[in-house]
Amino acid sequence: MSASADTMHSELAHVVQEVPGVAFLAPGLRSRLRALRATSPLARPGDDTPGITVSAPRGDSRTTVTTVEIRLICRSGRRTLDTTRAVREAVDHHLTTRYPGDEFRIIVTVTGVT
């Protein structure tokens, strides 16, 4: 993977939010806990983009596949399955275009409907 994790997270967040039927990316645990504390600091550089986790393969592993997990909230009025498929296709297209030769496993999870 040739891009930094922060760049990949922001690229993927933009791609996902452009898909019809996506309301927003699901907030992560850090964001939820940070919101509970009024005195908590703002997000630091290097924090995962809420709703997107990228797990690069370890050097000692037998696999060279990078796992991309996306957690999102769908809009009501659209079939969740169609939205999930569209997100997977959009992310797959972006990754294969931007990072040719790299292998990705894409996991899309809908955590709610609004």
Protein backbone atom coordinates (compact mmCIF):
# COMPACT_ATOMS: atom_id res chain seq x y z
CA MET A 1 0.00 0.00 0.00
CA SER A 2 1.65 3.20 -1.14
CA ALA A 3 -0.49 5.88 0.54
CA SER A 4 -0.51 6.87 4.18
CA ALA A 5 -3.33 5.54 6.33
CA ASP A 6 -4.75 9.04 6.87
CA THR A 7 -4.91 9.65 3.11
CA MET A 8 -6.60 6.32 2.48
CA HIS A 9 -9.14 6.93 5.26
CA SER A 10 -10.12 10.34 3.89
CA GLU A 11 -10.32 9.02 0.31
CA LEU A 12 -12.53 6.13 1.35
CA ALA A 13 -14.73 8.36 3.50
CA HIS A 14 -15.36 10.59 0.48
CA VAL A 15 -16.10 7.59 -1.77
CA VAL A 16 -18.54 6.05 0.72
CA GLN A 17 -20.42 9.27 1.41
CA GLU A 18 -21.01 9.80 -2.33
CA VAL A 19 -22.99 6.54 -2.58
CA PRO A 20 -26.77 7.10 -2.67
CA GLY A 21 -28.45 5.71 0.43
CA VAL A 22 -25.55 6.36 2.83
CA ALA A 23 -26.54 8.73 5.61
CA PHE A 24 -23.12 8.88 7.30
CA LEU A 25 -20.25 6.77 8.57
CA ALA A 26 -20.87 5.21 11.96
CA PRO A 27 -19.02 6.93 14.79
CA GLY A 28 -16.30 4.84 16.37
CA LEU A 29 -15.93 4.03 20.03
CA ARG A 30 -13.27 6.72 20.50
CA SER A 31 -15.60 9.36 19.08
CA ARG A 32 -18.45 8.24 21.31
CA LEU A 33 -16.32 8.27 24.43
CA ARG A 34 -14.78 11.62 23.49
CA ALA A 35 -18.27 13.09 23.08
CA LEU A 36 -19.16 12.05 26.64
CA ARG A 37 -16.33 14.12 28.12
CA ALA A 38 -16.62 17.87 27.69
CA THR A 39 -12.93 18.33 28.52
CA SER A 40 -11.64 15.72 26.07
CA PRO A 41 -9.18 16.85 23.39
CA LEU A 42 -10.06 16.98 19.73
CA ALA A 43 -9.17 14.06 17.50
CA ARG A 44 -5.44 13.64 17.16
CA PRO A 45 -3.68 12.95 13.87
CA GLY A 46 -3.52 9.22 13.30
CA ASP A 47 -6.91 8.49 14.85
CA ASP A 48 -8.98 6.26 12.60
CA THR A 49 -11.65 7.95 10.57
CA PRO A 50 -14.91 7.01 12.28
CA GLY A 51 -16.53 4.15 10.45
CA ILE A 52 -13.42 3.07 8.51
CA THR A 53 -10.69 0.72 9.65
CA VAL A 54 -7.80 -0.35 7.44
CA SER A 55 -5.76 -3.33 8.64
CA ALA A 56 -2.57 -3.79 6.67
CA PRO A 57 -1.15 -7.31 6.45
CA ARG A 58 1.61 -8.15 8.90
CA GLY A 59 5.04 -8.97 7.55
CA ASP A 60 5.10 -12.44 9.10
CA SER A 61 1.62 -13.34 7.84
CA ARG A 62 1.00 -15.68 4.93
CA THR A 63 -1.53 -13.28 3.46
CA THR A 64 -0.87 -10.03 1.63
CA VAL A 65 -4.49 -8.88 1.68
CA THR A 66 -5.34 -5.55 3.30
CA THR A 67 -8.69 -5.57 5.12
CA VAL A 68 -10.92 -2.50 4.80
CA GLU A 69 -13.86 -2.41 7.22
CA ILE A 70 -16.61 0.15 6.69
CA ARG A 71 -19.39 0.77 9.21
CA LEU A 72 -22.20 3.05 8.10
CA ILE A 73 -25.71 4.28 8.73
CA CYS A 74 -28.16 3.98 5.80
CA ARG A 75 -30.98 6.30 4.87
CA SER A 76 -34.49 4.94 5.18
CA GLY A 77 -36.45 4.67 1.96
CA ARG A 78 -33.73 2.70 0.16
CA ARG A 79 -33.00 -0.99 0.37
CA THR A 80 -30.10 -1.50 2.75
CA LEU A 81 -28.80 -4.42 0.71
CA ASP A 82 -28.62 -2.26 -2.43
CA THR A 83 -26.76 0.46 -0.54
CA THR A 84 -24.33 -2.06 0.94
CA ARG A 85 -23.58 -3.54 -2.48
CA ALA A 86 -23.13 -0.08 -4.00
CA VAL A 87 -20.68 0.89 -1.24
CA ARG A 88 -18.67 -2.30 -1.72
CA GLU A 89 -18.54 -1.75 -5.51
CA ALA A 90 -17.54 1.93 -5.17
CA VAL A 91 -14.80 1.14 -2.65
CA ASP A 92 -13.54 -1.79 -4.71
CA HIS A 93 -13.43 0.35 -7.86
CA HIS A 94 -11.56 3.13 -6.03
CA LEU A 95 -9.01 0.79 -4.46
CA THR A 96 -8.28 -1.20 -7.63
CA THR A 97 -7.88 2.03 -9.60
CA ARG A 98 -5.77 3.86 -7.00
CA TYR A 99 -3.70 0.88 -5.80
CA PRO A 100 -3.31 -1.52 -8.74
CA GLY A 101 -1.74 -4.84 -7.85
CA ASP A 102 -2.72 -4.66 -4.17
CA GLU A 103 -5.32 -7.07 -2.80
CA PHE A 104 -8.14 -5.84 -0.57
CA ARG A 105 -10.83 -7.55 1.47
CA ILE A 106 -13.78 -5.20 1.87
CA ILE A 107 -16.25 -5.62 4.73
CA VAL A 108 -19.31 -3.37 4.84
CA THR A 109 -21.47 -3.36 7.96
CA VAL A 110 -24.69 -1.39 8.37
CA THR A 111 -25.04 -0.35 12.00
CA GLY A 112 -28.29 1.55 11.70
CA VAL A 113 -30.95 3.14 9.52
CA THR A 114 -32.09 6.73 9.81
